[in-house]
Amino acid sequence: MPDLITTAEVQTYLGISNEDALIAQLITLYQDAVKNYCGLEFEQEAITEYLDGGAQNLIVTRPPIDSITGVYDNYDDDEEVDSDDYTHDPSAGLIFFSEGSTSTWGSGRRRWKVIYTGDYDGAPNPVKLALFMLISKTLNNRDPFKTSENIGDYGYSISPLVLSKSSWPPEVKALLNQYKAVRFF
């Protein structure tokens, strides 16, 4: 699986031409944390999910939906629902019956098998920007565990930078929150 951003992109963003090994390590660390935070892989692929029924919409876990291969009733020997009977909202990840058809999906836990191509085809620009910002902050704070230092009468303190999402700047979270997958349990 390719990285969400490249070392060269980070170097261009920062206006530097060195630190290749460190930047590569930070890309790996932060992209995994960002994927975890958003609940997405940012890699488009074929996905099979079993979704609960009993509502007007089936909600996939890895939007956006690029295409739907099929929707099957798991309680009825995997009978395929005619594709003319439903439509979808790709960006929201919703599948719903077309106008004039039954208004709700039959009730049942994990009743509906949905096979679709979903997730983003690479990182959207706001996700890339969030990664650039996290890496930049880390590179500008080389000793992430040092919180203060005093030399004679001079002293300063900084916030420790850790991979904990609670310490991420609000600007980073704002960029990522629009891609955060919503889960219903």
Protein backbone atom coordinates (compact mmCIF):
# COMPACT_ATOMS: atom_id res chain seq x y z
CA MET A 1 0.00 0.00 0.00
CA PRO A 2 1.48 3.34 -1.01
CA ASP A 3 2.12 6.13 1.47
CA LEU A 4 -0.48 8.90 1.68
CA ILE A 5 2.26 11.47 1.06
CA THR A 6 5.83 11.22 -0.16
CA THR A 7 9.10 12.37 1.32
CA ALA A 8 9.52 14.71 -1.65
CA GLU A 9 6.10 16.29 -1.01
CA VAL A 10 6.99 16.90 2.64
CA GLN A 11 10.36 18.40 1.67
CA THR A 12 8.64 20.71 -0.84
CA TYR A 13 6.08 21.76 1.80
CA LEU A 14 8.86 22.48 4.30
CA GLY A 15 11.25 24.02 1.77
CA ILE A 16 14.07 21.61 2.63
CA SER A 17 16.04 19.00 0.69
CA ASN A 18 17.37 16.78 3.48
CA GLU A 19 16.10 14.64 6.37
CA ASP A 20 14.89 11.84 4.04
CA ALA A 21 15.13 8.99 6.56
CA LEU A 22 13.50 10.91 9.39
CA ILE A 23 10.70 12.20 7.16
CA ALA A 24 10.03 8.67 5.88
CA GLN A 25 9.72 7.44 9.50
CA LEU A 26 7.39 10.29 10.42
CA ILE A 27 5.21 9.63 7.36
CA THR A 28 4.77 6.02 8.46
CA LEU A 29 4.00 6.98 12.07
CA TYR A 30 1.57 9.76 11.31
CA GLN A 31 -0.23 8.20 8.37
CA ASP A 32 -1.07 5.16 10.48
CA ALA A 33 -2.33 7.45 13.26
CA VAL A 34 -4.39 9.49 10.76
CA LYS A 35 -5.90 6.35 9.22
CA ASN A 36 -6.80 5.16 12.70
CA TYR A 37 -8.26 8.55 13.65
CA CYS A 38 -10.39 8.72 10.49
CA GLY A 39 -11.31 5.03 10.40
CA LEU A 40 -10.37 4.91 6.71
CA GLU A 41 -7.50 3.46 4.72
CA PHE A 42 -7.56 6.07 1.94
CA GLU A 43 -7.14 3.24 -0.53
CA GLN A 44 -10.00 2.38 -2.84
CA GLU A 45 -10.78 -1.33 -2.90
CA ALA A 46 -13.51 -3.94 -3.19
CA ILE A 47 -15.28 -4.29 0.15
CA THR A 48 -17.85 -6.78 1.42
CA GLU A 49 -19.87 -5.74 4.46
CA TYR A 50 -22.79 -7.24 6.35
CA LEU A 51 -25.08 -4.43 7.48
CA ASP A 52 -28.05 -4.34 9.82
CA GLY A 53 -31.50 -3.79 8.32
CA GLY A 54 -34.65 -2.17 9.65
CA ALA A 55 -33.95 1.40 8.49
CA GLN A 56 -34.42 3.49 5.36
CA ASN A 57 -30.69 3.48 4.62
CA LEU A 58 -27.86 1.00 4.63
CA ILE A 59 -24.73 2.88 5.71
CA VAL A 60 -21.39 1.51 4.54
CA THR A 61 -18.34 1.95 6.75
CA ARG A 62 -15.88 3.12 4.08
CA PRO A 63 -17.40 5.87 1.98
CA PRO A 64 -17.33 7.28 -0.58
CA ILE A 65 -18.94 4.56 -2.70
CA ASP A 66 -17.39 4.37 -6.15
CA SER A 67 -19.63 1.55 -7.38
CA ILE A 68 -21.92 -1.15 -6.01
CA THR A 69 -21.44 -4.72 -7.24
CA GLY A 70 -24.54 -5.98 -5.45
CA VAL A 71 -26.81 -5.96 -2.42
CA TYR A 72 -27.90 -9.38 -1.13
CA ASP A 73 -30.45 -10.54 1.45
CA ASN A 74 -28.39 -12.72 3.78
CA TYR A 75 -31.62 -14.06 5.37
CA ASP A 76 -32.96 -15.24 1.99
CA ASP A 77 -30.16 -17.42 0.61
CA ASP A 78 -28.19 -14.37 -0.57
CA GLU A 79 -30.93 -13.35 -2.99
CA GLU A 80 -29.70 -10.32 -4.89
CA VAL A 81 -31.73 -7.12 -4.73
CA ASP A 82 -32.44 -5.82 -8.24
CA SER A 83 -30.15 -2.84 -8.81
CA ASP A 84 -33.11 -0.90 -10.25
CA ASP A 85 -34.75 -1.09 -6.79
CA TYR A 86 -32.10 0.94 -4.98
CA THR A 87 -29.82 3.91 -5.45
CA HIS A 88 -27.07 5.45 -3.38
CA ASP A 89 -25.49 8.65 -2.18
CA PRO A 90 -21.80 8.03 -2.94
CA SER A 91 -20.21 10.63 -0.67
CA ALA A 92 -22.41 9.84 2.35
CA GLY A 93 -22.10 6.07 1.88
CA LEU A 94 -25.88 5.59 1.95
CA ILE A 95 -27.83 2.96 0.01
CA PHE A 96 -31.60 3.43 -0.10
CA PHE A 97 -34.57 2.11 -2.04
CA SER A 98 -35.53 3.94 -5.21
CA GLU A 99 -38.73 5.92 -5.22
CA GLY A 100 -41.78 3.68 -5.41
CA SER A 101 -40.09 0.66 -3.80
CA THR A 102 -40.30 -0.61 -0.22
CA SER A 103 -39.25 2.24 2.05
CA THR A 104 -37.11 0.32 4.57
CA TRP A 105 -34.61 -2.50 4.44
CA GLY A 106 -35.89 -5.68 6.12
CA SER A 107 -34.96 -5.99 9.79
CA GLY A 108 -32.17 -8.20 10.96
CA ARG A 109 -28.68 -8.10 12.38
CA ARG A 110 -26.08 -8.29 9.58
CA ARG A 111 -28.90 -9.16 7.18
CA TRP A 112 -27.73 -7.23 4.13
CA LYS A 113 -24.53 -8.18 2.32
CA VAL A 114 -23.21 -5.24 0.32
CA ILE A 115 -20.34 -5.62 -2.11
CA TYR A 116 -18.97 -2.30 -3.29
CA THR A 117 -15.86 -0.41 -4.26
CA GLY A 118 -15.26 2.23 -1.64
CA ASP A 119 -12.94 4.48 0.32
CA TYR A 120 -10.89 7.30 -1.15
CA ASP A 121 -8.49 6.73 -4.01
CA GLY A 122 -5.52 8.24 -2.16
CA ALA A 123 -5.46 10.96 0.46
CA PRO A 124 -7.59 14.04 -0.20
CA ASN A 125 -5.66 17.32 -0.04
CA PRO A 126 -6.90 18.28 3.48
CA VAL A 127 -5.60 14.93 4.80
CA LYS A 128 -2.25 15.56 3.14
CA LEU A 129 -2.12 19.04 4.66
CA ALA A 130 -2.84 17.60 8.12
CA LEU A 131 0.06 15.16 7.68
CA PHE A 132 2.37 17.99 6.53
CA MET A 133 1.41 20.00 9.61
CA LEU A 134 2.04 17.11 12.02
CA ILE A 135 5.41 16.30 10.46
CA SER A 136 6.40 19.98 10.40
CA LYS A 137 5.52 20.34 14.09
CA THR A 138 7.59 17.26 14.92
CA LEU A 139 10.61 18.42 12.92
CA ASN A 140 10.46 21.82 14.62
CA ASN A 141 10.34 20.15 18.03
CA ARG A 142 13.26 17.70 17.89
CA ASP A 143 13.11 16.64 21.51
CA PRO A 144 9.43 15.81 21.96
CA PHE A 145 9.89 14.72 25.58
CA LYS A 146 11.67 17.84 26.82
CA THR A 147 9.07 20.18 28.26
CA SER A 148 11.25 22.96 29.64
CA GLU A 149 14.81 24.17 29.86
CA ASN A 150 16.57 26.82 31.95
CA ILE A 151 19.95 28.36 31.22
CA GLY A 152 20.84 30.96 33.84
CA ASP A 153 18.04 33.52 33.92
CA TYR A 154 16.64 32.37 30.58
CA GLY A 155 14.02 29.64 30.41
CA TYR A 156 11.30 28.33 28.15
CA SER A 157 8.74 25.60 28.09
CA ILE A 158 7.02 23.71 25.32
CA SER A 159 4.19 21.23 25.10
CA PRO A 160 5.39 17.70 24.61
CA LEU A 161 4.57 16.33 21.17
CA VAL A 162 3.36 12.77 21.27
CA LEU A 163 1.38 10.59 18.92
CA SER A 164 -1.63 11.00 21.17
CA LYS A 165 -4.41 12.49 19.07
CA SER A 166 -5.44 14.63 22.04
CA SER A 167 -2.22 16.62 21.60
CA TRP A 168 -2.78 17.32 17.90
CA PRO A 169 -3.38 20.97 17.05
CA PRO A 170 -7.06 21.90 16.54
CA GLU A 171 -6.29 22.90 12.93
CA VAL A 172 -5.17 19.34 12.19
CA LYS A 173 -8.27 17.84 13.78
CA ALA A 174 -10.50 20.25 11.84
CA LEU A 175 -8.93 19.08 8.58
CA LEU A 176 -9.34 15.41 9.48
CA ASN A 177 -12.79 15.52 11.09
CA GLN A 178 -14.49 15.92 7.71
CA TYR A 179 -13.11 12.49 6.76
CA LYS A 180 -13.81 10.76 10.03
CA ALA A 181 -15.92 7.65 9.42
CA VAL A 182 -19.13 7.49 11.41
CA ARG A 183 -19.80 4.13 13.02
CA PHE A 184 -23.16 2.88 14.25
CA PHE A 185 -23.11 -0.04 16.65
